[in-house]
N, C-alpha and C. Protein backbone atom coordinates (compact mmCIF):
# COMPACT_ATOMS: atom_id res chain seq x y z
N UNK A 1 73.07 100.68 106.20
CA UNK A 1 74.54 100.71 106.17
C UNK A 1 75.08 99.11 106.02
N UNK A 2 75.90 98.75 105.19
CA UNK A 2 76.45 97.58 105.08
C UNK A 2 77.15 97.20 106.14
N UNK A 3 77.17 96.15 106.75
CA UNK A 3 77.88 95.57 107.91
C UNK A 3 77.71 96.40 109.27
N UNK A 4 76.82 97.18 109.27
CA UNK A 4 76.41 98.15 110.29
C UNK A 4 77.67 98.93 110.68
N UNK A 5 78.19 99.54 109.62
CA UNK A 5 79.34 100.54 109.86
C UNK A 5 78.67 101.82 109.92
N UNK A 6 79.17 102.61 110.58
CA UNK A 6 78.94 103.82 110.96
C UNK A 6 80.22 104.87 110.55
N UNK A 7 79.79 105.76 109.86
CA UNK A 7 81.05 106.66 109.43
C UNK A 7 81.20 107.92 110.56
N UNK A 8 82.26 107.83 111.19
CA UNK A 8 82.34 108.81 112.39
C UNK A 8 82.89 110.20 111.82
N UNK A 9 83.92 110.07 110.73
CA UNK A 9 84.25 111.41 110.07
C UNK A 9 84.60 111.09 108.68
N UNK A 10 84.26 111.91 107.81
CA UNK A 10 84.49 111.78 106.43
C UNK A 10 85.26 113.01 105.98
N UNK A 11 86.53 112.87 105.36
CA UNK A 11 87.58 113.96 104.90
C UNK A 11 87.39 113.89 103.43
N UNK A 12 87.30 115.25 103.10
CA UNK A 12 87.19 115.41 101.53
C UNK A 12 88.57 115.12 100.90
N UNK A 13 88.52 114.56 99.55
CA UNK A 13 89.79 114.04 98.98
C UNK A 13 90.52 115.48 98.73
N UNK A 14 89.83 116.48 98.78
CA UNK A 14 90.67 117.80 98.28
C UNK A 14 91.65 118.13 99.64
N UNK A 15 91.27 117.83 100.75
CA UNK A 15 92.23 118.00 101.64
C UNK A 15 93.24 116.94 101.82
N UNK A 16 94.56 117.39 101.66
CA UNK A 16 95.61 116.61 101.66
C UNK A 16 96.23 116.64 102.82
N UNK A 17 96.24 115.16 103.37
CA UNK A 17 96.70 114.59 104.66
C UNK A 17 98.25 114.12 104.48
N UNK A 18 99.19 114.71 105.16
CA UNK A 18 100.63 114.44 105.15
C UNK A 18 101.07 113.62 106.13
N UNK A 19 102.46 113.57 106.26
CA UNK A 19 103.18 112.63 107.40
C UNK A 19 102.76 113.18 108.63
N UNK A 20 102.59 114.45 109.08
CA UNK A 20 102.02 114.86 110.43
C UNK A 20 100.74 114.38 110.68
N UNK A 21 99.95 114.20 109.65
CA UNK A 21 98.44 113.83 109.92
C UNK A 21 98.57 112.23 110.19
N UNK A 22 99.50 111.59 109.37
CA UNK A 22 99.62 110.09 109.53
C UNK A 22 99.87 109.75 111.00
N UNK A 23 100.94 110.59 111.20
CA UNK A 23 101.51 110.35 112.73
C UNK A 23 100.47 110.38 113.79
N UNK A 24 99.66 111.53 113.58
CA UNK A 24 98.52 111.77 114.58
C UNK A 24 97.44 110.61 114.72
N UNK A 25 97.18 110.00 113.32
CA UNK A 25 96.14 108.79 113.51
C UNK A 25 96.76 107.57 113.98
N UNK A 26 98.10 107.53 114.24
CA UNK A 26 98.62 106.38 114.98
C UNK A 26 98.52 106.54 116.47
N UNK A 27 98.16 107.70 116.80
CA UNK A 27 98.31 107.97 118.32
C UNK A 27 97.09 106.93 119.13
N UNK A 28 96.09 106.64 118.49
CA UNK A 28 94.88 106.02 119.22
C UNK A 28 94.78 104.45 118.82
N UNK A 29 95.79 103.98 118.09
CA UNK A 29 95.60 102.56 117.50
C UNK A 29 96.75 101.66 118.02
N UNK A 30 96.42 100.47 118.14
CA UNK A 30 97.51 99.31 118.58
C UNK A 30 97.98 98.57 117.38
N UNK A 31 97.43 98.82 116.15
CA UNK A 31 97.70 98.10 115.04
C UNK A 31 97.46 98.92 113.73
N UNK A 32 98.52 98.68 112.90
CA UNK A 32 98.41 99.49 111.60
C UNK A 32 98.34 98.42 110.46
N UNK A 33 97.59 98.45 109.51
CA UNK A 33 97.58 97.58 108.29
C UNK A 33 97.64 98.55 107.01
N UNK A 34 98.63 98.28 106.31
CA UNK A 34 98.77 99.11 105.18
C UNK A 34 98.72 98.15 103.93
N UNK A 35 97.79 98.52 102.97
CA UNK A 35 97.44 97.64 101.82
C UNK A 35 97.96 98.52 100.44
N UNK A 36 98.75 97.95 99.95
CA UNK A 36 99.05 98.39 98.59
C UNK A 36 98.71 97.38 97.30
N UNK A 37 97.55 97.36 97.04
CA UNK A 37 97.21 96.18 96.16
C UNK A 37 96.99 94.95 96.96
N UNK A 38 97.90 93.92 96.41
CA UNK A 38 97.83 92.58 96.94
C UNK A 38 98.82 92.50 98.21
N UNK A 39 99.75 93.47 98.25
CA UNK A 39 100.72 93.53 99.25
C UNK A 39 100.24 94.32 100.58
N UNK A 40 100.15 93.51 101.71
CA UNK A 40 99.76 93.98 102.86
C UNK A 40 100.86 93.83 103.89
N UNK A 41 100.90 95.03 104.59
CA UNK A 41 102.11 94.99 105.54
C UNK A 41 101.18 95.26 106.91
N UNK A 42 101.55 94.46 108.15
CA UNK A 42 100.65 94.68 109.32
C UNK A 42 101.95 95.19 110.27
N UNK A 43 101.69 96.22 110.77
CA UNK A 43 102.59 96.94 111.84
C UNK A 43 102.06 96.63 113.32
N UNK A 44 102.85 96.11 114.21
CA UNK A 44 102.28 95.70 115.48
C UNK A 44 102.35 97.02 116.37
N UNK A 45 101.98 96.80 117.63
CA UNK A 45 101.90 97.89 118.44
C UNK A 45 103.38 98.56 118.63
N UNK A 46 104.27 97.60 118.49
CA UNK A 46 105.96 98.12 118.87
C UNK A 46 106.39 98.94 117.68
N UNK A 47 105.97 98.56 116.42
CA UNK A 47 106.87 99.35 115.38
C UNK A 47 105.55 100.20 114.51
N UNK A 48 104.46 100.27 114.95
CA UNK A 48 103.66 101.23 114.25
C UNK A 48 103.80 102.55 114.17
N UNK A 49 104.59 103.00 115.18
CA UNK A 49 104.81 104.50 115.19
C UNK A 49 106.44 104.89 114.40
N UNK A 50 106.84 103.78 113.76
CA UNK A 50 108.19 103.99 113.24
C UNK A 50 108.15 104.75 112.11
N UNK A 51 109.21 105.33 111.50
CA UNK A 51 109.44 106.05 110.32
C UNK A 51 108.81 105.38 109.19
N UNK A 52 109.13 103.84 109.20
CA UNK A 52 108.85 102.99 107.91
C UNK A 52 107.19 102.82 108.03
N UNK A 53 106.70 103.00 109.21
CA UNK A 53 105.08 102.75 109.09
C UNK A 53 104.59 104.02 108.68
N UNK A 54 105.12 105.01 108.95
CA UNK A 54 104.40 106.37 108.61
C UNK A 54 104.58 106.63 106.94
N UNK A 55 105.89 106.20 106.57
CA UNK A 55 106.23 106.43 105.06
C UNK A 55 105.24 105.30 104.30
N UNK A 56 104.97 104.10 104.84
CA UNK A 56 104.05 103.23 104.14
C UNK A 56 102.63 103.72 103.97
N UNK A 57 102.20 104.59 104.99
CA UNK A 57 100.82 105.23 104.90
C UNK A 57 100.63 106.26 103.73
N UNK A 58 101.73 106.68 103.24
CA UNK A 58 101.81 107.74 102.33
C UNK A 58 102.18 107.35 100.98
N UNK A 59 101.36 108.04 99.97
CA UNK A 59 101.53 107.70 98.41
C UNK A 59 102.56 108.34 97.80
N UNK A 60 102.81 108.23 96.37
CA UNK A 60 104.03 108.82 95.74
C UNK A 60 103.90 110.26 95.97
N UNK A 61 102.80 110.87 96.29
CA UNK A 61 102.98 112.44 96.18
C UNK A 61 103.24 112.92 97.83
N UNK A 62 103.33 112.01 98.69
CA UNK A 62 103.51 112.40 99.90
C UNK A 62 102.09 112.46 100.84
N UNK A 63 101.08 112.22 100.23
CA UNK A 63 99.67 112.43 100.99
C UNK A 63 99.47 111.04 101.44
N UNK A 64 98.46 110.99 102.51
CA UNK A 64 97.93 109.87 103.04
C UNK A 64 97.11 109.13 102.09
N UNK A 65 97.48 107.80 101.80
CA UNK A 65 96.97 106.84 100.99
C UNK A 65 95.48 106.85 101.28
N UNK A 66 94.55 106.63 100.35
CA UNK A 66 92.99 106.23 100.59
C UNK A 66 92.74 104.91 100.06
N UNK A 67 91.60 104.34 100.68
CA UNK A 67 90.95 104.90 101.74
C UNK A 67 91.72 104.51 103.22
N UNK A 68 91.34 105.30 104.10
CA UNK A 68 91.84 105.17 105.38
C UNK A 68 90.66 105.06 106.35
N UNK A 69 90.70 103.66 107.21
CA UNK A 69 89.52 103.47 108.02
C UNK A 69 90.19 103.08 109.49
N UNK A 70 89.51 103.65 110.36
CA UNK A 70 89.85 103.34 111.84
C UNK A 70 88.82 102.42 112.27
N UNK A 71 89.08 101.15 112.61
CA UNK A 71 88.30 100.07 112.99
C UNK A 71 88.83 99.61 114.40
N UNK A 72 87.98 100.10 115.33
CA UNK A 72 88.38 99.68 116.72
C UNK A 72 89.67 100.26 117.10
N UNK A 73 90.78 99.47 117.31
CA UNK A 73 91.84 99.83 117.59
C UNK A 73 92.92 99.60 116.47
N UNK A 74 92.25 99.29 115.29
CA UNK A 74 93.22 99.05 113.96
C UNK A 74 92.90 100.17 113.08
N UNK A 75 94.10 100.64 112.40
CA UNK A 75 93.98 101.57 111.46
C UNK A 75 94.35 101.05 110.12
N UNK A 76 93.53 101.06 109.08
CA UNK A 76 93.79 100.24 107.87
C UNK A 76 93.89 101.35 106.91
N UNK A 77 95.07 101.39 106.10
CA UNK A 77 95.38 102.51 105.06
C UNK A 77 95.48 101.68 103.82
N UNK A 78 94.73 102.20 102.74
CA UNK A 78 94.96 101.49 101.57
C UNK A 78 93.68 100.59 101.32
N UNK A 79 93.66 99.98 100.27
CA UNK A 79 92.45 99.01 100.10
C UNK A 79 93.01 97.47 99.79
N UNK A 80 92.43 96.58 100.40
CA UNK A 80 92.58 95.20 100.10
C UNK A 80 91.21 94.45 100.49
N UNK A 81 90.63 93.86 99.65
CA UNK A 81 89.34 93.18 99.97
C UNK A 81 89.46 92.16 101.25
N UNK A 82 90.59 91.41 101.14
CA UNK A 82 90.54 90.40 102.10
C UNK A 82 90.56 90.91 103.59
N UNK A 83 91.41 92.13 103.50
CA UNK A 83 91.71 92.92 104.83
C UNK A 83 90.30 93.38 105.59
N UNK A 84 89.79 94.02 104.56
CA UNK A 84 88.33 94.70 104.92
C UNK A 84 87.43 93.59 105.22
N UNK A 85 87.35 92.55 104.56
CA UNK A 85 86.37 91.43 104.96
C UNK A 85 86.77 90.69 106.21
N UNK A 86 87.98 90.52 106.47
CA UNK A 86 88.31 90.08 107.77
C UNK A 86 88.00 91.05 109.11
N UNK A 87 88.26 92.51 108.68
CA UNK A 87 87.97 93.11 109.73
C UNK A 87 86.57 93.50 110.09
N UNK A 88 85.72 93.40 109.22
CA UNK A 88 84.32 94.07 108.90
C UNK A 88 83.41 92.88 108.87
N UNK A 89 83.88 91.78 108.39
CA UNK A 89 82.83 90.53 108.18
C UNK A 89 82.54 90.02 109.51
């Protein structure tokens, strides 16, 4: 495994996770990072459970964006190489 990463749970792409699932993921984290290409939005503990945070986690179809990773107390939604490098490096 690269960077000593252990996958705790893998969800099939055919299972569509929506807003209620996104809200549930926020319960155990203190920080949310949403990446959409080069644009990265970092939601702090105070605003991570806002409607804006949940909406940022969803793609145009209303489903949770992929990939989604729970790294310690941080939830990362979407992909940005710099974000993953800083969290896992």
